[in-house]
Amino acid sequence: MPGIELASPGSDVTIFGLFMQANLIVKLVMLGLLAASVWCWAVIIDKLVSYGNARRAIRKFEKMFWSGQSLEELYHKLDDHRVSGMSAIFIAAMREWKKSFEKGARSPTGLQMRIDRAMNVALARETDRMEARLGFLATVGSAAPFVGLFGTVIGIMTSFQSIAASRNTSLAVVAPGIAEALLATAIGLLAAIPAVIAYNKLSGDVNKISTQLESFADEFSGILSRQIDERLTVRQRKS
């Protein structure tokens, strides 16, 4: 294992100084943890903005949905736009509804099953999209402290080897080398703590939004079920 020179009593004990004096392996560990921390914050900010937009889009769609306009009008208003969340579930159901009636669907049970399946697929896609990159936060939150500890162990081993070689156990000489090693653990915790807190918070947000989408899908399924029965009844009377 490559050694490091024993720190002198006048060694730089600032964070940057400790980093520059550290072993190459420890430096790589610190840089990796810092990069992971920066990426975690990028994911956190992106998800906070994304979930905020999703909640506003849900409120906007619900206002339109319950405004009294017909389902056909709302469908044509949304169909040409890029939709997500509750709107995507609505569009998926309406597309299946229109395709089935255009092809002369006669079984209300089969039509209802196809509509429910279309909404479930749209719901799964929306949930997957919201959960994207949350796994990275979980990984950093669980692994970063151990990666930092690995850097600390390597740093302490190297420091002890240098201490043994120089036969100087003065605290002023030993302390900087130990501080360099412990810096890796500190950076690991710096990356892990926000990642764990953010993961728990964002996972809760995903669950709340998913619950809203599931509730809408169930409610809309009931609305379409009644309309299917009415349309098929009218068609049977005419035939």
C-alpha atoms as a PDB file:
ATOM      1  CA  MET A   1       0.000   0.000   0.000  1.00  0.00           C
ATOM      2  CA  PRO A   2       1.445   3.418  -0.915  1.00  0.00           C
ATOM      3  CA  GLY A   3       2.522   5.411   2.112  1.00  0.00           C
ATOM      4  CA  ILE A   4       2.269   9.062   2.907  1.00  0.00           C
ATOM      5  CA  GLU A   5       4.752  11.301   4.574  1.00  0.00           C
ATOM      6  CA  LEU A   6       4.136  11.861   8.236  1.00  0.00           C
ATOM      7  CA  ALA A   7       2.445  15.199   8.838  1.00  0.00           C
ATOM      8  CA  SER A   8       4.567  17.872  10.445  1.00  0.00           C
ATOM      9  CA  PRO A   9       3.325  19.854  13.442  1.00  0.00           C
ATOM     10  CA  GLY A  10       2.696  22.829  11.144  1.00  0.00           C
ATOM     11  CA  SER A  11       0.501  20.903   8.693  1.00  0.00           C
ATOM     12  CA  ASP A  12      -2.519  22.623   7.153  1.00  0.00           C
ATOM     13  CA  VAL A  13      -5.559  21.369   9.079  1.00  0.00           C
ATOM     14  CA  THR A  14      -8.216  23.135   6.994  1.00  0.00           C
ATOM     15  CA  ILE A  15     -10.629  20.899   5.071  1.00  0.00           C
ATOM     16  CA  PHE A  16      -8.914  21.670   1.756  1.00  0.00           C
ATOM     17  CA  GLY A  17      -5.504  21.170   3.331  1.00  0.00           C
ATOM     18  CA  LEU A  18      -6.503  17.814   4.792  1.00  0.00           C
ATOM     19  CA  PHE A  19      -7.874  16.755   1.410  1.00  0.00           C
ATOM     20  CA  MET A  20      -4.667  17.697  -0.403  1.00  0.00           C
ATOM     21  CA  GLN A  21      -2.525  15.821   2.140  1.00  0.00           C
ATOM     22  CA  ALA A  22      -4.657  12.663   1.983  1.00  0.00           C
ATOM     23  CA  ASN A  23      -3.737   9.354   0.355  1.00  0.00           C
ATOM     24  CA  LEU A  24      -4.681   8.994  -3.337  1.00  0.00           C
ATOM     25  CA  ILE A  25      -7.265   6.297  -2.544  1.00  0.00           C
ATOM     26  CA  VAL A  26      -8.822   8.484   0.149  1.00  0.00           C
ATOM     27  CA  LYS A  27      -8.919  11.415  -2.276  1.00  0.00           C
ATOM     28  CA  LEU A  28     -10.759   9.291  -4.837  1.00  0.00           C
ATOM     29  CA  VAL A  29     -13.258   8.209  -2.172  1.00  0.00           C
ATOM     30  CA  MET A  30     -13.865  11.832  -1.149  1.00  0.00           C
ATOM     31  CA  LEU A  31     -14.288  13.010  -4.737  1.00  0.00           C
ATOM     32  CA  GLY A  32     -16.701  10.161  -5.462  1.00  0.00           C
ATOM     33  CA  LEU A  33     -18.767  11.006  -2.401  1.00  0.00           C
ATOM     34  CA  LEU A  34     -18.819  14.702  -3.284  1.00  0.00           C
ATOM     35  CA  ALA A  35     -19.956  13.875  -6.827  1.00  0.00           C
ATOM     36  CA  ALA A  36     -22.695  11.615  -5.430  1.00  0.00           C
ATOM     37  CA  SER A  37     -23.789  14.375  -3.057  1.00  0.00           C
ATOM     38  CA  VAL A  38     -24.043  16.924  -5.881  1.00  0.00           C
ATOM     39  CA  TRP A  39     -26.055  14.495  -8.008  1.00  0.00           C
ATOM     40  CA  CYS A  40     -28.332  13.746  -5.045  1.00  0.00           C
ATOM     41  CA  TRP A  41     -29.123  17.433  -4.648  1.00  0.00           C
ATOM     42  CA  ALA A  42     -29.815  17.695  -8.382  1.00  0.00           C
ATOM     43  CA  VAL A  43     -32.270  14.780  -8.133  1.00  0.00           C
ATOM     44  CA  ILE A  44     -33.878  16.230  -4.991  1.00  0.00           C
ATOM     45  CA  ILE A  45     -34.457  19.655  -6.554  1.00  0.00           C
ATOM     46  CA  ASP A  46     -35.743  18.118  -9.791  1.00  0.00           C
ATOM     47  CA  LYS A  47     -38.192  15.871  -7.932  1.00  0.00           C
ATOM     48  CA  LEU A  48     -39.458  18.652  -5.678  1.00  0.00           C
ATOM     49  CA  VAL A  49     -40.209  20.794  -8.736  1.00  0.00           C
ATOM     50  CA  SER A  50     -41.673  17.832 -10.651  1.00  0.00           C
ATOM     51  CA  TYR A  51     -43.992  16.747  -7.822  1.00  0.00           C
ATOM     52  CA  GLY A  52     -45.108  20.324  -7.267  1.00  0.00           C
ATOM     53  CA  ASN A  53     -46.014  20.578 -10.962  1.00  0.00           C
ATOM     54  CA  ALA A  54     -47.813  17.220 -10.776  1.00  0.00           C
ATOM     55  CA  ARG A  55     -49.969  18.371  -7.851  1.00  0.00           C
ATOM     56  CA  ARG A  56     -50.860  21.605  -9.659  1.00  0.00           C
ATOM     57  CA  ALA A  57     -51.703  19.648 -12.828  1.00  0.00           C
ATOM     58  CA  ILE A  58     -53.981  17.338 -10.821  1.00  0.00           C
ATOM     59  CA  ARG A  59     -55.848  20.273  -9.276  1.00  0.00           C
ATOM     60  CA  LYS A  60     -56.210  21.901 -12.703  1.00  0.00           C
ATOM     61  CA  PHE A  61     -57.499  18.706 -14.312  1.00  0.00           C
ATOM     62  CA  GLU A  62     -59.959  18.009 -11.495  1.00  0.00           C
ATOM     63  CA  LYS A  63     -61.344  21.525 -11.894  1.00  0.00           C
ATOM     64  CA  MET A  64     -61.842  20.898 -15.629  1.00  0.00           C
ATOM     65  CA  PHE A  65     -63.207  17.385 -15.112  1.00  0.00           C
ATOM     66  CA  TRP A  66     -65.871  18.469 -12.636  1.00  0.00           C
ATOM     67  CA  SER A  67     -66.730  21.695 -14.488  1.00  0.00           C
ATOM     68  CA  GLY A  68     -69.742  20.091 -16.143  1.00  0.00           C
ATOM     69  CA  GLN A  69     -68.401  19.770 -19.694  1.00  0.00           C
ATOM     70  CA  SER A  70     -68.907  16.469 -21.452  1.00  0.00           C
ATOM     71  CA  LEU A  71     -66.232  13.770 -21.499  1.00  0.00           C
ATOM     72  CA  GLU A  72     -65.947  14.113 -25.275  1.00  0.00           C
ATOM     73  CA  GLU A  73     -65.241  17.841 -25.034  1.00  0.00           C
ATOM     74  CA  LEU A  74     -62.606  17.326 -22.371  1.00  0.00           C
ATOM     75  CA  TYR A  75     -61.036  14.493 -24.367  1.00  0.00           C
ATOM     76  CA  HIS A  76     -60.708  16.589 -27.530  1.00  0.00           C
ATOM     77  CA  LYS A  77     -59.333  19.492 -25.491  1.00  0.00           C
ATOM     78  CA  LEU A  78     -56.583  17.323 -23.979  1.00  0.00           C
ATOM     79  CA  ASP A  79     -55.849  14.840 -26.749  1.00  0.00           C
ATOM     80  CA  ASP A  80     -53.617  17.139 -28.789  1.00  0.00           C
ATOM     81  CA  HIS A  81     -51.501  18.133 -25.808  1.00  0.00           C
ATOM     82  CA  ARG A  82     -48.772  16.303 -23.984  1.00  0.00           C
ATOM     83  CA  VAL A  83     -50.487  15.013 -20.865  1.00  0.00           C
ATOM     84  CA  SER A  84     -49.312  13.372 -17.673  1.00  0.00           C
ATOM     85  CA  GLY A  85     -50.684  12.275 -14.323  1.00  0.00           C
ATOM     86  CA  MET A  86     -54.462  12.248 -14.039  1.00  0.00           C
ATOM     87  CA  SER A  87     -54.879  13.576 -17.586  1.00  0.00           C
ATOM     88  CA  ALA A  88     -52.896  10.635 -18.968  1.00  0.00           C
ATOM     89  CA  ILE A  89     -55.182   8.147 -17.193  1.00  0.00           C
ATOM     90  CA  PHE A  90     -58.246   9.957 -18.522  1.00  0.00           C
ATOM     91  CA  ILE A  91     -56.899   9.985 -22.088  1.00  0.00           C
ATOM     92  CA  ALA A  92     -55.992   6.276 -21.937  1.00  0.00           C
ATOM     93  CA  ALA A  93     -59.505   5.360 -20.803  1.00  0.00           C
ATOM     94  CA  MET A  94     -61.222   7.565 -23.375  1.00  0.00           C
ATOM     95  CA  ARG A  95     -59.107   6.226 -26.234  1.00  0.00           C
ATOM     96  CA  GLU A  96     -60.049   2.656 -25.355  1.00  0.00           C
ATOM     97  CA  TRP A  97     -63.682   3.736 -24.946  1.00  0.00           C
ATOM     98  CA  LYS A  98     -63.796   5.346 -28.411  1.00  0.00           C
ATOM     99  CA  LYS A  99     -61.923   2.522 -30.160  1.00  0.00           C
ATOM    100  CA  SER A 100     -64.245  -0.096 -28.676  1.00  0.00           C
ATOM    101  CA  PHE A 101     -67.446   1.708 -29.635  1.00  0.00           C
ATOM    102  CA  GLU A 102     -66.129   2.448 -33.119  1.00  0.00           C
ATOM    103  CA  LYS A 103     -65.605  -1.283 -33.562  1.00  0.00           C
ATOM    104  CA  GLY A 104     -69.106  -2.015 -32.292  1.00  0.00           C
ATOM    105  CA  ALA A 105     -68.403  -3.380 -28.808  1.00  0.00           C
ATOM    106  CA  ARG A 106     -71.365  -5.311 -27.443  1.00  0.00           C
ATOM    107  CA  SER A 107     -70.047  -6.820 -24.194  1.00  0.00           C
ATOM    108  CA  PRO A 108     -70.098  -4.314 -21.310  1.00  0.00           C
ATOM    109  CA  THR A 109     -67.922  -6.602 -19.203  1.00  0.00           C
ATOM    110  CA  GLY A 110     -65.224  -6.942 -21.852  1.00  0.00           C
ATOM    111  CA  LEU A 111     -65.242  -3.206 -22.580  1.00  0.00           C
ATOM    112  CA  GLN A 112     -65.000  -2.359 -18.875  1.00  0.00           C
ATOM    113  CA  MET A 113     -62.063  -4.726 -18.464  1.00  0.00           C
ATOM    114  CA  ARG A 114     -60.205  -3.176 -21.398  1.00  0.00           C
ATOM    115  CA  ILE A 115     -60.781   0.343 -20.068  1.00  0.00           C
ATOM    116  CA  ASP A 116     -59.606  -0.647 -16.578  1.00  0.00           C
ATOM    117  CA  ARG A 117     -56.529  -2.306 -18.067  1.00  0.00           C
ATOM    118  CA  ALA A 118     -55.718   0.824 -20.094  1.00  0.00           C
ATOM    119  CA  MET A 119     -55.999   2.991 -16.979  1.00  0.00           C
ATOM    120  CA  ASN A 120     -53.855   0.588 -14.951  1.00  0.00           C
ATOM    121  CA  VAL A 121     -51.124   0.696 -17.603  1.00  0.00           C
ATOM    122  CA  ALA A 122     -51.219   4.516 -17.656  1.00  0.00           C
ATOM    123  CA  LEU A 123     -51.149   4.598 -13.847  1.00  0.00           C
ATOM    124  CA  ALA A 124     -48.135   2.260 -13.744  1.00  0.00           C
ATOM    125  CA  ARG A 125     -46.274   4.420 -16.269  1.00  0.00           C
ATOM    126  CA  GLU A 126     -46.957   7.580 -14.281  1.00  0.00           C
ATOM    127  CA  THR A 127     -45.830   5.923 -11.049  1.00  0.00           C
ATOM    128  CA  ASP A 128     -42.636   4.622 -12.692  1.00  0.00           C
ATOM    129  CA  ARG A 129     -41.907   8.078 -14.062  1.00  0.00           C
ATOM    130  CA  MET A 130     -42.342   9.685 -10.645  1.00  0.00           C
ATOM    131  CA  GLU A 131     -40.172   7.046  -8.942  1.00  0.00           C
ATOM    132  CA  ALA A 132     -37.343   7.376 -11.475  1.00  0.00           C
ATOM    133  CA  ARG A 133     -33.978   8.109  -9.812  1.00  0.00           C
ATOM    134  CA  LEU A 134     -35.352   7.735  -6.285  1.00  0.00           C
ATOM    135  CA  GLY A 135     -33.410   4.482  -6.110  1.00  0.00           C
ATOM    136  CA  PHE A 136     -30.200   6.479  -6.490  1.00  0.00           C
ATOM    137  CA  LEU A 137     -31.056   8.451  -3.342  1.00  0.00           C
ATOM    138  CA  ALA A 138     -31.702   5.221  -1.463  1.00  0.00           C
ATOM    139  CA  THR A 139     -28.409   3.747  -2.663  1.00  0.00           C
ATOM    140  CA  VAL A 140     -26.397   6.816  -1.666  1.00  0.00           C
ATOM    141  CA  GLY A 141     -28.175   7.017   1.677  1.00  0.00           C
ATOM    142  CA  SER A 142     -27.294   3.430   2.549  1.00  0.00           C
ATOM    143  CA  ALA A 143     -23.859   3.080   0.926  1.00  0.00           C
ATOM    144  CA  ALA A 144     -22.209   6.495   1.385  1.00  0.00           C
ATOM    145  CA  PRO A 145     -21.374   6.049   5.111  1.00  0.00           C
ATOM    146  CA  PHE A 146     -19.679   2.721   4.366  1.00  0.00           C
ATOM    147  CA  VAL A 147     -17.767   4.167   1.427  1.00  0.00           C
ATOM    148  CA  GLY A 148     -16.629   7.005   3.665  1.00  0.00           C
ATOM    149  CA  LEU A 149     -15.659   4.507   6.353  1.00  0.00           C
ATOM    150  CA  PHE A 150     -13.623   2.599   3.782  1.00  0.00           C
ATOM    151  CA  GLY A 151     -11.695   5.788   3.000  1.00  0.00           C
ATOM    152  CA  THR A 152     -11.196   6.392   6.724  1.00  0.00           C
ATOM    153  CA  VAL A 153      -9.841   2.887   7.294  1.00  0.00           C
ATOM    154  CA  ILE A 154      -7.402   3.227   4.379  1.00  0.00           C
ATOM    155  CA  GLY A 155      -6.292   6.645   5.662  1.00  0.00           C
ATOM    156  CA  ILE A 156      -5.763   5.458   9.238  1.00  0.00           C
ATOM    157  CA  MET A 157      -3.847   2.368   8.098  1.00  0.00           C
ATOM    158  CA  THR A 158      -1.556   4.543   5.986  1.00  0.00           C
ATOM    159  CA  SER A 159      -1.073   7.006   8.858  1.00  0.00           C
ATOM    160  CA  PHE A 160      -0.200   4.237  11.296  1.00  0.00           C
ATOM    161  CA  GLN A 161       2.306   2.782   8.845  1.00  0.00           C
ATOM    162  CA  SER A 162       3.999   6.170   8.566  1.00  0.00           C
ATOM    163  CA  ILE A 163       3.917   6.634  12.346  1.00  0.00           C
ATOM    164  CA  ALA A 164       5.515   3.237  12.845  1.00  0.00           C
ATOM    165  CA  ALA A 165       8.198   4.010  10.280  1.00  0.00           C
ATOM    166  CA  SER A 166       9.078   7.368  11.855  1.00  0.00           C
ATOM    167  CA  ARG A 167       8.671   6.177  15.462  1.00  0.00           C
ATOM    168  CA  ASN A 168       7.161   9.532  16.374  1.00  0.00           C
ATOM    169  CA  THR A 169       3.888   9.342  18.346  1.00  0.00           C
ATOM    170  CA  SER A 170       3.572  13.042  19.179  1.00  0.00           C
ATOM    171  CA  LEU A 171      -0.093  14.131  19.091  1.00  0.00           C
ATOM    172  CA  ALA A 172       0.822  17.163  16.985  1.00  0.00           C
ATOM    173  CA  VAL A 173       2.246  14.809  14.369  1.00  0.00           C
ATOM    174  CA  VAL A 174      -0.409  12.048  14.590  1.00  0.00           C
ATOM    175  CA  ALA A 175      -3.528  14.223  14.680  1.00  0.00           C
ATOM    176  CA  PRO A 176      -3.420  15.641  11.110  1.00  0.00           C
ATOM    177  CA  GLY A 177      -3.137  12.147   9.588  1.00  0.00           C
ATOM    178  CA  ILE A 178      -6.105  10.896  11.625  1.00  0.00           C
ATOM    179  CA  ALA A 179      -8.080  14.019  10.701  1.00  0.00           C
ATOM    180  CA  GLU A 180      -7.439  13.363   7.006  1.00  0.00           C
ATOM    181  CA  ALA A 181      -8.838   9.866   7.369  1.00  0.00           C
ATOM    182  CA  LEU A 182     -11.906  10.950   9.355  1.00  0.00           C
ATOM    183  CA  LEU A 183     -12.720  13.573   6.729  1.00  0.00           C
ATOM    184  CA  ALA A 184     -13.783  10.754   4.398  1.00  0.00           C
ATOM    185  CA  THR A 185     -16.386   9.548   6.906  1.00  0.00           C
ATOM    186  CA  ALA A 186     -17.630  13.106   7.396  1.00  0.00           C
ATOM    187  CA  ILE A 187     -18.132  13.544   3.651  1.00  0.00           C
ATOM    188  CA  GLY A 188     -19.880  10.164   3.496  1.00  0.00           C
ATOM    189  CA  LEU A 189     -22.343  11.297   6.156  1.00  0.00           C
ATOM    190  CA  LEU A 190     -22.726  14.646   4.382  1.00  0.00           C
ATOM    191  CA  ALA A 191     -23.870  12.774   1.282  1.00  0.00           C
ATOM    192  CA  ALA A 192     -25.964  10.137   3.078  1.00  0.00           C
ATOM    193  CA  ILE A 193     -28.045  12.195   5.524  1.00  0.00           C
ATOM    194  CA  PRO A 194     -29.749  14.502   2.966  1.00  0.00           C
ATOM    195  CA  ALA A 195     -30.238  11.510   0.627  1.00  0.00           C
ATOM    196  CA  VAL A 196     -32.048   9.467   3.292  1.00  0.00           C
ATOM    197  CA  ILE A 197     -34.229  12.376   4.434  1.00  0.00           C
ATOM    198  CA  ALA A 198     -35.093  13.317   0.836  1.00  0.00           C
ATOM    199  CA  TYR A 199     -35.816   9.713  -0.144  1.00  0.00           C
ATOM    200  CA  ASN A 200     -38.303   9.275   2.710  1.00  0.00           C
ATOM    201  CA  LYS A 201     -39.982  12.602   1.956  1.00  0.00           C
ATOM    202  CA  LEU A 202     -40.159  12.076  -1.815  1.00  0.00           C
ATOM    203  CA  SER A 203     -41.367   8.480  -1.441  1.00  0.00           C
ATOM    204  CA  GLY A 204     -44.204   9.791   0.715  1.00  0.00           C
ATOM    205  CA  ASP A 205     -45.056  12.349  -1.980  1.00  0.00           C
ATOM    206  CA  VAL A 206     -45.120   9.629  -4.651  1.00  0.00           C
ATOM    207  CA  ASN A 207     -47.453   7.514  -2.524  1.00  0.00           C
ATOM    208  CA  LYS A 208     -49.822  10.448  -1.990  1.00  0.00           C
ATOM    209  CA  ILE A 209     -49.925  11.342  -5.682  1.00  0.00           C
ATOM    210  CA  SER A 210     -50.322   7.685  -6.685  1.00  0.00           C
ATOM    211  CA  THR A 211     -53.216   7.345  -4.248  1.00  0.00           C
ATOM    212  CA  GLN A 212     -54.900  10.350  -5.862  1.00  0.00           C
ATOM    213  CA  LEU A 213     -54.437   8.829  -9.310  1.00  0.00           C
ATOM    214  CA  GLU A 214     -55.758   5.444  -8.189  1.00  0.00           C
ATOM    215  CA  SER A 215     -58.817   7.068  -6.593  1.00  0.00           C
ATOM    216  CA  PHE A 216     -59.541   8.965  -9.801  1.00  0.00           C
ATOM    217  CA  ALA A 217     -59.102   5.811 -11.892  1.00  0.00           C
ATOM    218  CA  ASP A 218     -61.601   3.938  -9.691  1.00  0.00           C
ATOM    219  CA  GLU A 219     -64.073   6.824  -9.761  1.00  0.00           C
ATOM    220  CA  PHE A 220     -63.756   7.332 -13.509  1.00  0.00           C
ATOM    221  CA  SER A 221     -64.167   3.600 -14.057  1.00  0.00           C
ATOM    222  CA  GLY A 222     -67.520   3.795 -12.263  1.00  0.00           C
ATOM    223  CA  ILE A 223     -68.610   6.760 -14.381  1.00  0.00           C
ATOM    224  CA  LEU A 224     -67.703   4.989 -17.612  1.00  0.00           C
ATOM    225  CA  SER A 225     -69.383   1.805 -16.437  1.00  0.00           C
ATOM    226  CA  ARG A 226     -72.696   3.644 -16.101  1.00  0.00           C
ATOM    227  CA  GLN A 227     -72.263   5.267 -19.513  1.00  0.00           C
ATOM    228  CA  ILE A 228     -71.397   1.927 -21.107  1.00  0.00           C
ATOM    229  CA  ASP A 229     -74.601   0.395 -19.767  1.00  0.00           C
ATOM    230  CA  GLU A 230     -76.625   3.355 -21.045  1.00  0.00           C
ATOM    231  CA  ARG A 231     -75.095   3.301 -24.531  1.00  0.00           C
ATOM    232  CA  LEU A 232     -75.395  -0.443 -24.957  1.00  0.00           C
ATOM    233  CA  THR A 233     -78.986  -0.321 -23.760  1.00  0.00           C
ATOM    234  CA  VAL A 234     -79.824   2.385 -26.324  1.00  0.00           C
ATOM    235  CA  ARG A 235     -78.054   0.413 -29.062  1.00  0.00           C
ATOM    236  CA  GLN A 236     -79.941  -2.767 -28.201  1.00  0.00           C
ATOM    237  CA  ARG A 237     -83.254  -0.900 -28.345  1.00  0.00           C
ATOM    238  CA  LYS A 238     -82.484   0.557 -31.747  1.00  0.00           C
ATOM    239  CA  SER A 239     -81.478  -2.850 -33.089  1.00  0.00           C
END
